[in-house]
N, C-alpha and C. Protein backbone atom coordinates (compact mmCIF):
# COMPACT_ATOMS: atom_id res chain seq x y z
N MET A 1 15.53 -41.22 8.76
CA MET A 1 15.33 -39.90 9.37
C MET A 1 16.02 -38.84 8.53
N GLY A 2 15.51 -37.62 8.63
CA GLY A 2 16.10 -36.53 7.87
C GLY A 2 17.40 -36.06 8.50
N GLN A 3 18.16 -35.36 7.70
CA GLN A 3 19.43 -34.84 8.19
C GLN A 3 19.43 -33.32 8.04
N TYR A 4 19.73 -32.59 9.12
CA TYR A 4 19.77 -31.13 9.09
C TYR A 4 20.95 -30.68 8.26
N SER A 5 20.69 -29.76 7.32
CA SER A 5 21.76 -29.39 6.40
C SER A 5 22.10 -27.92 6.43
N GLY A 6 21.50 -27.15 7.34
CA GLY A 6 21.80 -25.73 7.41
C GLY A 6 22.63 -25.41 8.63
N THR A 7 23.58 -24.47 8.49
CA THR A 7 24.40 -24.09 9.63
C THR A 7 24.26 -22.61 9.97
N ASN A 8 23.86 -21.78 9.01
CA ASN A 8 23.73 -20.35 9.23
C ASN A 8 22.28 -19.95 8.99
N GLY A 9 21.56 -19.57 10.05
CA GLY A 9 20.17 -19.15 9.89
C GLY A 9 19.27 -20.34 9.66
N PRO A 10 18.10 -20.08 9.06
CA PRO A 10 17.14 -21.16 8.83
C PRO A 10 17.74 -22.26 7.97
N GLY A 11 17.46 -23.51 8.29
CA GLY A 11 17.99 -24.63 7.53
C GLY A 11 16.90 -25.44 6.89
N ILE A 12 17.28 -26.55 6.30
CA ILE A 12 16.33 -27.45 5.66
C ILE A 12 16.62 -28.87 6.11
N VAL A 13 15.63 -29.72 5.98
CA VAL A 13 15.78 -31.13 6.29
C VAL A 13 15.54 -31.91 5.02
N THR A 14 16.47 -32.82 4.68
CA THR A 14 16.33 -33.64 3.49
C THR A 14 15.69 -34.97 3.87
N SER A 15 14.52 -35.24 3.29
CA SER A 15 13.82 -36.49 3.60
C SER A 15 14.38 -37.61 2.74
N SER A 16 13.90 -38.82 2.99
CA SER A 16 14.41 -39.99 2.27
C SER A 16 14.07 -39.95 0.78
N ASN A 17 13.01 -39.22 0.41
CA ASN A 17 12.65 -39.12 -1.01
C ASN A 17 13.32 -37.94 -1.70
N GLY A 18 14.23 -37.27 -0.98
CA GLY A 18 14.97 -36.16 -1.58
C GLY A 18 14.27 -34.84 -1.52
N CYS A 19 13.09 -34.78 -0.92
CA CYS A 19 12.33 -33.54 -0.83
C CYS A 19 12.91 -32.67 0.28
N LEU A 20 12.99 -31.38 0.05
CA LEU A 20 13.56 -30.46 1.01
C LEU A 20 12.43 -29.79 1.81
N THR A 21 12.42 -29.99 3.10
CA THR A 21 11.45 -29.33 3.95
C THR A 21 12.17 -28.39 4.89
N PHE A 22 11.52 -27.32 5.29
CA PHE A 22 12.19 -26.26 6.03
C PHE A 22 12.23 -26.55 7.52
N ALA A 23 13.39 -26.28 8.13
CA ALA A 23 13.55 -26.47 9.57
C ALA A 23 13.39 -25.16 10.33
N GLY A 24 13.20 -24.06 9.62
CA GLY A 24 13.05 -22.77 10.28
C GLY A 24 12.33 -21.79 9.40
N SER A 25 11.99 -20.62 9.97
CA SER A 25 11.31 -19.57 9.23
C SER A 25 12.33 -18.79 8.41
N ALA A 26 11.84 -17.76 7.74
CA ALA A 26 12.73 -16.90 6.97
C ALA A 26 13.50 -15.95 7.86
N GLY A 27 13.26 -15.99 9.16
CA GLY A 27 13.95 -15.09 10.07
C GLY A 27 13.28 -13.73 10.12
N ALA A 28 13.93 -12.79 10.77
CA ALA A 28 13.35 -11.47 10.95
C ALA A 28 13.22 -10.74 9.62
N ILE A 29 12.12 -10.03 9.46
CA ILE A 29 11.90 -9.21 8.27
C ILE A 29 12.59 -7.87 8.47
N SER A 30 13.44 -7.50 7.53
CA SER A 30 14.10 -6.20 7.58
C SER A 30 13.22 -5.16 6.89
N GLY A 31 13.02 -4.03 7.56
CA GLY A 31 12.20 -2.97 7.00
C GLY A 31 11.61 -2.14 8.11
N PRO A 32 11.04 -0.98 7.79
CA PRO A 32 10.49 -0.09 8.81
C PRO A 32 9.21 -0.65 9.42
N SER A 33 8.99 -0.35 10.70
CA SER A 33 7.77 -0.80 11.37
C SER A 33 6.78 0.35 11.56
N SER A 34 7.19 1.59 11.30
CA SER A 34 6.28 2.72 11.32
C SER A 34 6.74 3.75 10.30
N PHE A 35 5.79 4.34 9.59
CA PHE A 35 6.10 5.28 8.52
C PHE A 35 4.82 6.01 8.12
N CYS A 36 4.96 7.00 7.25
CA CYS A 36 3.82 7.83 6.86
C CYS A 36 2.86 7.06 5.94
N ARG A 37 1.59 7.40 6.07
CA ARG A 37 0.60 6.89 5.13
C ARG A 37 0.96 7.34 3.72
N HIS A 38 0.41 6.60 2.74
CA HIS A 38 0.61 6.91 1.33
C HIS A 38 2.10 7.00 1.00
N SER A 39 2.85 6.01 1.46
CA SER A 39 4.28 5.96 1.17
C SER A 39 4.64 4.60 0.59
N THR A 40 5.84 4.51 0.03
CA THR A 40 6.35 3.27 -0.54
C THR A 40 7.53 2.79 0.29
N GLN A 41 7.50 1.53 0.71
CA GLN A 41 8.51 0.98 1.60
C GLN A 41 9.03 -0.35 1.06
N SER A 42 10.25 -0.72 1.51
CA SER A 42 10.86 -1.99 1.08
C SER A 42 11.08 -2.90 2.28
N PHE A 43 10.91 -4.21 2.05
CA PHE A 43 11.08 -5.22 3.09
C PHE A 43 11.84 -6.40 2.50
N SER A 44 12.61 -7.09 3.35
CA SER A 44 13.39 -8.22 2.85
C SER A 44 13.68 -9.20 3.98
N VAL A 45 14.06 -10.40 3.61
CA VAL A 45 14.56 -11.42 4.53
C VAL A 45 15.82 -12.01 3.92
N ALA A 46 16.64 -12.60 4.77
CA ALA A 46 17.83 -13.28 4.26
C ALA A 46 17.43 -14.48 3.42
N PRO A 47 18.17 -14.81 2.37
CA PRO A 47 17.85 -15.99 1.55
C PRO A 47 17.78 -17.25 2.41
N VAL A 48 16.79 -18.09 2.15
CA VAL A 48 16.58 -19.32 2.90
C VAL A 48 17.04 -20.50 2.06
N PRO A 49 17.94 -21.35 2.55
CA PRO A 49 18.38 -22.52 1.79
C PRO A 49 17.19 -23.38 1.37
N GLY A 50 17.14 -23.75 0.11
CA GLY A 50 16.09 -24.61 -0.40
C GLY A 50 14.85 -23.89 -0.87
N ALA A 51 14.73 -22.59 -0.59
CA ALA A 51 13.53 -21.85 -0.98
C ALA A 51 13.61 -21.47 -2.46
N THR A 52 12.53 -21.72 -3.17
CA THR A 52 12.42 -21.28 -4.57
C THR A 52 11.37 -20.20 -4.72
N ASN A 53 10.67 -19.89 -3.64
CA ASN A 53 9.62 -18.87 -3.67
C ASN A 53 9.47 -18.30 -2.26
N TYR A 54 9.01 -17.07 -2.18
CA TYR A 54 8.72 -16.42 -0.90
C TYR A 54 7.30 -15.88 -0.98
N VAL A 55 6.46 -16.33 -0.06
CA VAL A 55 5.04 -15.97 -0.08
C VAL A 55 4.82 -14.80 0.88
N TRP A 56 4.59 -13.62 0.33
CA TRP A 56 4.40 -12.41 1.13
C TRP A 56 2.92 -12.06 1.24
N ALA A 57 2.56 -11.41 2.35
CA ALA A 57 1.23 -10.83 2.51
C ALA A 57 1.41 -9.46 3.14
N VAL A 58 0.55 -8.52 2.75
CA VAL A 58 0.67 -7.14 3.24
C VAL A 58 -0.69 -6.68 3.76
N PRO A 59 -0.74 -5.55 4.49
CA PRO A 59 -1.99 -5.09 5.08
C PRO A 59 -3.04 -4.72 4.03
N PRO A 60 -4.30 -4.56 4.46
CA PRO A 60 -5.37 -4.15 3.54
C PRO A 60 -5.01 -2.83 2.85
N GLN A 61 -5.37 -2.72 1.58
CA GLN A 61 -5.14 -1.56 0.73
C GLN A 61 -3.70 -1.41 0.28
N ALA A 62 -2.76 -2.14 0.87
CA ALA A 62 -1.37 -2.09 0.42
C ALA A 62 -1.19 -2.99 -0.79
N THR A 63 -0.21 -2.64 -1.64
CA THR A 63 0.04 -3.38 -2.88
C THR A 63 1.52 -3.65 -3.04
N ILE A 64 1.87 -4.90 -3.33
CA ILE A 64 3.26 -5.24 -3.66
C ILE A 64 3.50 -4.80 -5.09
N ILE A 65 4.38 -3.81 -5.29
CA ILE A 65 4.59 -3.27 -6.63
C ILE A 65 5.83 -3.86 -7.31
N SER A 66 6.68 -4.54 -6.54
CA SER A 66 7.81 -5.25 -7.15
C SER A 66 8.35 -6.28 -6.17
N GLY A 67 8.96 -7.32 -6.72
CA GLY A 67 9.64 -8.32 -5.91
C GLY A 67 8.80 -9.49 -5.45
N ALA A 68 7.53 -9.57 -5.84
CA ALA A 68 6.68 -10.69 -5.40
C ALA A 68 7.34 -12.02 -5.76
N GLY A 69 7.38 -12.93 -4.78
CA GLY A 69 7.99 -14.23 -5.00
C GLY A 69 9.48 -14.29 -4.68
N THR A 70 10.08 -13.13 -4.41
CA THR A 70 11.50 -13.09 -4.06
C THR A 70 11.65 -12.80 -2.57
N ASN A 71 12.88 -12.68 -2.11
CA ASN A 71 13.10 -12.41 -0.69
C ASN A 71 13.13 -10.91 -0.37
N SER A 72 12.80 -10.06 -1.36
CA SER A 72 12.79 -8.62 -1.15
C SER A 72 11.64 -8.01 -1.95
N ILE A 73 10.80 -7.20 -1.29
CA ILE A 73 9.65 -6.60 -1.97
C ILE A 73 9.60 -5.10 -1.73
N THR A 74 8.90 -4.42 -2.60
CA THR A 74 8.57 -3.00 -2.44
C THR A 74 7.06 -2.88 -2.39
N VAL A 75 6.56 -2.15 -1.40
CA VAL A 75 5.12 -2.10 -1.13
C VAL A 75 4.64 -0.65 -1.13
N GLU A 76 3.50 -0.42 -1.77
CA GLU A 76 2.85 0.88 -1.73
C GLU A 76 1.71 0.81 -0.71
N PHE A 77 1.77 1.67 0.30
CA PHE A 77 0.77 1.68 1.36
C PHE A 77 -0.21 2.84 1.18
N LYS A 78 -1.42 2.63 1.69
CA LYS A 78 -2.40 3.71 1.72
C LYS A 78 -2.57 4.15 3.18
N VAL A 79 -3.65 3.72 3.88
CA VAL A 79 -3.87 4.20 5.24
C VAL A 79 -4.04 3.09 6.27
N LYS A 80 -4.19 1.85 5.85
CA LYS A 80 -4.48 0.77 6.78
C LYS A 80 -3.20 0.14 7.34
N PRO A 81 -3.08 0.02 8.68
CA PRO A 81 -1.95 -0.70 9.26
C PRO A 81 -2.20 -2.21 9.21
N GLY A 82 -1.26 -2.98 9.72
CA GLY A 82 -1.43 -4.44 9.74
C GLY A 82 -0.09 -5.13 9.81
N ASP A 83 -0.02 -6.34 9.29
CA ASP A 83 1.20 -7.15 9.33
C ASP A 83 1.76 -7.36 7.93
N VAL A 84 3.07 -7.25 7.82
CA VAL A 84 3.79 -7.74 6.66
C VAL A 84 4.31 -9.12 7.02
N THR A 85 3.97 -10.12 6.24
CA THR A 85 4.37 -11.49 6.57
C THR A 85 5.03 -12.16 5.36
N VAL A 86 5.86 -13.17 5.65
CA VAL A 86 6.49 -13.92 4.57
C VAL A 86 6.80 -15.33 5.08
N LYS A 87 6.74 -16.29 4.17
CA LYS A 87 7.20 -17.64 4.47
C LYS A 87 7.91 -18.20 3.24
N PRO A 88 9.02 -18.94 3.48
CA PRO A 88 9.74 -19.55 2.36
C PRO A 88 8.95 -20.74 1.83
N ALA A 89 9.12 -21.03 0.56
CA ALA A 89 8.37 -22.14 -0.03
C ALA A 89 9.18 -22.78 -1.16
N ASN A 90 8.86 -24.03 -1.43
CA ASN A 90 9.35 -24.73 -2.61
C ASN A 90 8.31 -25.76 -3.01
N GLN A 91 8.66 -26.65 -3.92
CA GLN A 91 7.68 -27.61 -4.42
C GLN A 91 7.20 -28.59 -3.36
N CYS A 92 7.90 -28.66 -2.23
CA CYS A 92 7.52 -29.59 -1.17
C CYS A 92 6.58 -28.97 -0.14
N GLY A 93 6.47 -27.65 -0.15
CA GLY A 93 5.62 -26.99 0.83
C GLY A 93 6.20 -25.65 1.24
N SER A 94 5.83 -25.19 2.42
CA SER A 94 6.29 -23.89 2.89
C SER A 94 6.77 -23.98 4.33
N GLY A 95 7.59 -23.03 4.72
CA GLY A 95 8.12 -22.98 6.07
C GLY A 95 7.28 -22.10 6.97
N PRO A 96 7.70 -21.92 8.23
CA PRO A 96 6.97 -21.09 9.19
C PRO A 96 6.92 -19.63 8.75
N LEU A 97 5.92 -18.92 9.28
CA LEU A 97 5.66 -17.54 8.92
C LEU A 97 6.52 -16.58 9.75
N SER A 98 7.08 -15.57 9.09
CA SER A 98 7.72 -14.44 9.77
C SER A 98 6.78 -13.24 9.68
N VAL A 99 6.69 -12.47 10.77
CA VAL A 99 5.70 -11.39 10.85
C VAL A 99 6.36 -10.10 11.30
N LEU A 100 6.02 -9.00 10.62
CA LEU A 100 6.45 -7.66 11.04
C LEU A 100 5.21 -6.76 11.09
N PRO A 101 4.70 -6.41 12.29
CA PRO A 101 3.58 -5.47 12.37
C PRO A 101 4.05 -4.08 11.95
N VAL A 102 3.21 -3.37 11.19
CA VAL A 102 3.56 -2.02 10.76
C VAL A 102 2.45 -1.05 11.14
N GLN A 103 2.85 0.14 11.55
CA GLN A 103 1.94 1.22 11.88
C GLN A 103 2.10 2.34 10.86
N LEU A 104 0.97 2.90 10.41
CA LEU A 104 1.00 3.99 9.45
C LEU A 104 0.65 5.30 10.15
N LEU A 105 1.52 6.28 10.01
CA LEU A 105 1.40 7.54 10.72
C LEU A 105 0.73 8.61 9.87
N LYS A 106 0.00 9.50 10.51
CA LYS A 106 -0.62 10.63 9.83
C LYS A 106 0.39 11.78 9.79
N CYS A 107 1.23 11.79 8.77
CA CYS A 107 2.27 12.81 8.65
C CYS A 107 1.70 14.04 7.95
N TYR A 108 2.08 15.21 8.44
CA TYR A 108 1.58 16.44 7.84
C TYR A 108 2.33 16.75 6.56
N ASN A 109 1.60 17.02 5.50
CA ASN A 109 2.16 17.43 4.23
C ASN A 109 1.18 18.42 3.61
N PRO A 110 1.54 19.69 3.48
CA PRO A 110 0.59 20.67 2.97
C PRO A 110 0.12 20.38 1.55
N PHE A 111 0.87 19.56 0.81
CA PHE A 111 0.47 19.21 -0.54
C PHE A 111 -0.18 17.84 -0.62
N HIS A 112 -0.47 17.27 0.53
CA HIS A 112 -1.21 16.00 0.57
C HIS A 112 -2.36 16.19 1.56
N PRO A 113 -3.38 16.96 1.15
CA PRO A 113 -4.44 17.32 2.09
C PRO A 113 -5.26 16.13 2.53
N ILE A 114 -5.64 16.14 3.80
CA ILE A 114 -6.48 15.09 4.37
C ILE A 114 -7.61 15.74 5.14
N PHE A 115 -8.82 15.34 4.83
CA PHE A 115 -9.99 15.76 5.59
C PHE A 115 -10.43 14.59 6.44
N ARG A 116 -10.38 14.74 7.76
CA ARG A 116 -10.64 13.64 8.67
C ARG A 116 -11.85 13.99 9.54
N VAL A 117 -12.90 13.20 9.42
CA VAL A 117 -14.08 13.38 10.26
C VAL A 117 -13.88 12.67 11.59
N ASN A 118 -13.45 11.42 11.53
CA ASN A 118 -13.14 10.63 12.72
C ASN A 118 -12.24 9.49 12.27
N SER A 119 -11.99 8.55 13.17
CA SER A 119 -11.04 7.47 12.86
C SER A 119 -11.52 6.56 11.74
N GLN A 120 -12.82 6.64 11.41
CA GLN A 120 -13.37 5.73 10.39
C GLN A 120 -13.65 6.43 9.07
N ASN A 121 -13.66 7.78 9.05
CA ASN A 121 -14.05 8.51 7.85
C ASN A 121 -12.96 9.51 7.47
N GLU A 122 -12.45 9.36 6.25
CA GLU A 122 -11.31 10.18 5.84
C GLU A 122 -11.28 10.31 4.32
N ILE A 123 -10.89 11.50 3.85
CA ILE A 123 -10.69 11.76 2.43
C ILE A 123 -9.27 12.25 2.23
N SER A 124 -8.56 11.71 1.26
CA SER A 124 -7.21 12.20 0.98
C SER A 124 -6.98 12.25 -0.52
N ILE A 125 -6.11 13.19 -0.94
CA ILE A 125 -5.73 13.36 -2.34
C ILE A 125 -4.22 13.31 -2.44
N TYR A 126 -3.70 12.51 -3.35
CA TYR A 126 -2.26 12.35 -3.51
C TYR A 126 -1.96 11.83 -4.91
N PRO A 127 -0.74 11.97 -5.46
CA PRO A 127 0.27 12.91 -4.98
C PRO A 127 -0.14 14.34 -5.29
N ASN A 128 0.44 15.27 -4.62
CA ASN A 128 0.10 16.68 -4.83
C ASN A 128 1.30 17.53 -4.42
N PRO A 129 1.99 18.14 -5.37
CA PRO A 129 1.71 18.27 -6.81
C PRO A 129 1.84 16.94 -7.55
N SER A 130 1.30 16.93 -8.78
CA SER A 130 1.36 15.73 -9.61
C SER A 130 1.73 16.10 -11.04
N LYS A 131 2.56 15.25 -11.65
CA LYS A 131 2.90 15.43 -13.06
C LYS A 131 1.90 14.72 -13.97
N SER A 132 1.11 13.83 -13.40
CA SER A 132 0.17 13.05 -14.19
C SER A 132 -1.22 13.16 -13.56
N GLU A 133 -1.72 12.08 -13.01
CA GLU A 133 -3.05 12.10 -12.41
C GLU A 133 -2.96 12.20 -10.90
N PHE A 134 -4.09 12.55 -10.30
CA PHE A 134 -4.23 12.59 -8.85
C PHE A 134 -5.08 11.41 -8.41
N ASN A 135 -4.85 10.93 -7.19
CA ASN A 135 -5.65 9.86 -6.62
C ASN A 135 -6.46 10.40 -5.45
N CYS A 136 -7.71 10.04 -5.40
CA CYS A 136 -8.56 10.40 -4.27
C CYS A 136 -9.01 9.11 -3.59
N LEU A 137 -8.73 9.02 -2.30
CA LEU A 137 -9.14 7.86 -1.51
C LEU A 137 -10.15 8.31 -0.47
N ILE A 138 -11.34 7.74 -0.54
CA ILE A 138 -12.41 8.08 0.40
C ILE A 138 -12.69 6.86 1.25
N ASN A 139 -12.30 6.92 2.51
CA ASN A 139 -12.48 5.80 3.44
C ASN A 139 -13.67 6.06 4.36
N GLY A 140 -14.46 5.02 4.60
CA GLY A 140 -15.60 5.16 5.50
C GLY A 140 -16.81 5.72 4.77
N PHE A 141 -17.53 6.65 5.45
CA PHE A 141 -18.70 7.30 4.85
C PHE A 141 -19.65 6.28 4.24
N GLU A 142 -20.02 5.29 5.03
CA GLU A 142 -20.86 4.20 4.53
C GLU A 142 -22.18 4.73 3.97
N ASP A 143 -22.66 4.06 2.93
CA ASP A 143 -23.95 4.36 2.29
C ASP A 143 -23.97 5.73 1.63
N GLN A 144 -22.79 6.24 1.25
CA GLN A 144 -22.73 7.51 0.54
C GLN A 144 -21.98 7.33 -0.77
N THR A 145 -22.36 8.10 -1.78
CA THR A 145 -21.60 8.22 -3.01
C THR A 145 -21.18 9.67 -3.15
N PHE A 146 -20.06 9.89 -3.83
CA PHE A 146 -19.45 11.21 -3.89
C PHE A 146 -19.31 11.69 -5.33
N SER A 147 -19.17 12.99 -5.46
CA SER A 147 -18.76 13.59 -6.72
C SER A 147 -17.44 14.31 -6.50
N ILE A 148 -16.62 14.35 -7.54
CA ILE A 148 -15.33 15.04 -7.51
C ILE A 148 -15.34 16.03 -8.66
N ILE A 149 -15.38 17.32 -8.33
CA ILE A 149 -15.47 18.38 -9.33
C ILE A 149 -14.21 19.24 -9.24
N VAL A 150 -13.57 19.46 -10.39
CA VAL A 150 -12.34 20.24 -10.44
C VAL A 150 -12.63 21.59 -11.09
N PHE A 151 -12.21 22.68 -10.40
CA PHE A 151 -12.39 24.03 -10.90
C PHE A 151 -11.02 24.65 -11.17
N ASP A 152 -10.92 25.48 -12.22
CA ASP A 152 -9.70 26.27 -12.37
C ASP A 152 -9.82 27.54 -11.53
N TYR A 153 -8.80 28.39 -11.59
CA TYR A 153 -8.77 29.56 -10.71
C TYR A 153 -9.87 30.57 -11.03
N SER A 154 -10.41 30.51 -12.23
CA SER A 154 -11.50 31.42 -12.60
C SER A 154 -12.86 30.90 -12.14
N GLY A 155 -12.88 29.70 -11.57
CA GLY A 155 -14.14 29.10 -11.13
C GLY A 155 -14.83 28.25 -12.18
N ARG A 156 -14.18 28.04 -13.32
CA ARG A 156 -14.75 27.23 -14.39
C ARG A 156 -14.56 25.75 -14.09
N ILE A 157 -15.60 24.96 -14.27
CA ILE A 157 -15.50 23.52 -14.07
C ILE A 157 -14.72 22.91 -15.23
N VAL A 158 -13.63 22.20 -14.92
CA VAL A 158 -12.80 21.58 -15.96
C VAL A 158 -12.88 20.06 -15.92
N GLU A 159 -13.45 19.52 -14.85
CA GLU A 159 -13.65 18.07 -14.78
C GLU A 159 -14.74 17.77 -13.76
N ASP A 160 -15.66 16.89 -14.11
CA ASP A 160 -16.79 16.56 -13.23
C ASP A 160 -16.94 15.04 -13.21
N ASN A 161 -16.74 14.44 -12.02
CA ASN A 161 -16.84 12.98 -11.86
C ASN A 161 -17.93 12.67 -10.85
N GLU A 162 -18.89 11.84 -11.24
CA GLU A 162 -20.04 11.55 -10.40
C GLU A 162 -20.04 10.08 -9.96
N ASN A 163 -20.82 9.82 -8.93
CA ASN A 163 -21.06 8.44 -8.43
C ASN A 163 -19.77 7.72 -8.05
N ILE A 164 -18.91 8.43 -7.31
CA ILE A 164 -17.65 7.84 -6.83
C ILE A 164 -17.95 6.99 -5.60
N GLN A 165 -17.51 5.75 -5.63
CA GLN A 165 -17.77 4.83 -4.52
C GLN A 165 -16.71 4.99 -3.43
N VAL A 166 -17.12 4.74 -2.19
CA VAL A 166 -16.20 4.85 -1.07
C VAL A 166 -15.31 3.61 -0.97
N ASN A 167 -14.23 3.74 -0.18
CA ASN A 167 -13.27 2.66 0.07
C ASN A 167 -12.60 2.17 -1.20
N ASN A 168 -12.45 3.08 -2.16
CA ASN A 168 -11.74 2.80 -3.40
C ASN A 168 -10.92 4.02 -3.78
N THR A 169 -9.86 3.80 -4.53
CA THR A 169 -9.06 4.91 -5.04
C THR A 169 -9.58 5.32 -6.41
N PHE A 170 -9.89 6.60 -6.56
CA PHE A 170 -10.37 7.13 -7.84
C PHE A 170 -9.33 8.09 -8.39
N SER A 171 -8.96 7.91 -9.65
CA SER A 171 -7.94 8.75 -10.28
C SER A 171 -8.60 9.80 -11.17
N PHE A 172 -8.04 11.00 -11.14
CA PHE A 172 -8.61 12.08 -11.94
C PHE A 172 -7.50 13.07 -12.28
N GLY A 173 -7.80 14.00 -13.19
CA GLY A 173 -6.89 15.10 -13.49
C GLY A 173 -5.76 14.80 -14.44
N LYS A 174 -5.78 13.67 -15.10
CA LYS A 174 -4.66 13.29 -15.96
C LYS A 174 -4.48 14.28 -17.11
N ASN A 175 -5.59 14.81 -17.63
CA ASN A 175 -5.53 15.68 -18.80
C ASN A 175 -5.51 17.16 -18.45
N LEU A 176 -5.38 17.50 -17.18
CA LEU A 176 -5.32 18.90 -16.79
C LEU A 176 -4.01 19.53 -17.24
N ALA A 177 -4.08 20.80 -17.65
CA ALA A 177 -2.86 21.54 -17.95
C ALA A 177 -2.18 21.91 -16.64
N SER A 178 -0.91 22.27 -16.70
CA SER A 178 -0.20 22.66 -15.49
C SER A 178 -0.84 23.92 -14.89
N GLY A 179 -0.86 23.98 -13.56
CA GLY A 179 -1.46 25.12 -12.89
C GLY A 179 -2.09 24.73 -11.57
N PHE A 180 -2.78 25.69 -10.94
CA PHE A 180 -3.45 25.47 -9.66
C PHE A 180 -4.94 25.22 -9.91
N TYR A 181 -5.51 24.31 -9.10
CA TYR A 181 -6.92 23.98 -9.23
C TYR A 181 -7.53 23.78 -7.84
N PHE A 182 -8.86 23.88 -7.80
CA PHE A 182 -9.61 23.54 -6.60
C PHE A 182 -10.43 22.28 -6.89
N VAL A 183 -10.45 21.37 -5.92
CA VAL A 183 -11.22 20.13 -6.05
C VAL A 183 -12.32 20.13 -5.00
N GLU A 184 -13.55 20.05 -5.46
CA GLU A 184 -14.69 19.95 -4.54
C GLU A 184 -15.13 18.49 -4.47
N ILE A 185 -15.11 17.94 -3.26
CA ILE A 185 -15.54 16.56 -3.04
C ILE A 185 -16.77 16.61 -2.15
N ASN A 186 -17.88 16.11 -2.64
CA ASN A 186 -19.11 16.22 -1.85
C ASN A 186 -20.01 15.02 -2.01
N SER A 187 -20.84 14.83 -1.00
CA SER A 187 -21.90 13.83 -0.99
C SER A 187 -23.12 14.52 -0.40
N SER A 188 -24.13 13.74 -0.06
CA SER A 188 -25.33 14.32 0.56
C SER A 188 -25.04 14.87 1.95
N GLU A 189 -23.91 14.44 2.57
CA GLU A 189 -23.62 14.86 3.94
C GLU A 189 -22.27 15.57 4.10
N VAL A 190 -21.42 15.52 3.09
CA VAL A 190 -20.06 16.05 3.21
C VAL A 190 -19.76 16.96 2.03
N LYS A 191 -19.05 18.07 2.29
CA LYS A 191 -18.55 18.93 1.22
C LYS A 191 -17.21 19.49 1.67
N GLU A 192 -16.16 19.17 0.92
CA GLU A 192 -14.82 19.65 1.22
C GLU A 192 -14.15 20.14 -0.05
N ILE A 193 -13.32 21.17 0.07
CA ILE A 193 -12.60 21.72 -1.06
C ILE A 193 -11.09 21.63 -0.79
N PHE A 194 -10.35 21.10 -1.77
CA PHE A 194 -8.90 20.96 -1.66
C PHE A 194 -8.24 21.77 -2.79
N LYS A 195 -7.02 22.16 -2.55
CA LYS A 195 -6.20 22.82 -3.56
C LYS A 195 -5.18 21.84 -4.08
N ILE A 196 -5.08 21.72 -5.42
CA ILE A 196 -4.11 20.81 -6.02
C ILE A 196 -3.26 21.59 -7.02
N VAL A 197 -2.09 21.02 -7.32
CA VAL A 197 -1.16 21.65 -8.24
C VAL A 197 -0.74 20.63 -9.31
N LYS A 198 -0.95 20.97 -10.57
CA LYS A 198 -0.49 20.13 -11.68
C LYS A 198 0.80 20.74 -12.22
N VAL A 199 1.84 19.94 -12.32
CA VAL A 199 3.15 20.43 -12.79
C VAL A 199 3.53 19.71 -14.08
N GLU A 200 4.45 20.30 -14.80
CA GLU A 200 4.91 19.71 -16.06
C GLU A 200 5.94 18.62 -15.80
């Protein structure tokens, strides 16, 4: 029979062949459970005895930008809520799952404009102001393609992007000089204009 070898938090059981199997989960996930959309957040769990890897999963559209495989990660979120989950693992297998549901809030930011038709259709541009490129996320609007046209203050077109697909992030404006611009985003059914600022 195995012998329990942990005394503080999740433990491990040593089998007769020397393999370490987990007797508990990674415990509670530390990190925020509600925060603004288009933000970067950090999550962690206490180290688990015997774990050589930590298997994390994040909500749709979110991306782990650092710490994958460790007990602490940094995640970039867009607009979709869901669960942040993790389980400890080693060469013998993995332990039980720990879950932290997260909610993403629609926080007001005058430099992060959002055009919202309903709960399923939304256009957002971020970061704004930007030192490099801008990101445009078009959610919903099924069966539509969009164009993203950038005008300077004189009304001159300085960038024209066509056939932008929905439910993807499109980057633009990297080569714009510093200053104020207007961005026209349109399809056969939608036309919206945003103001953006490029800074040095």
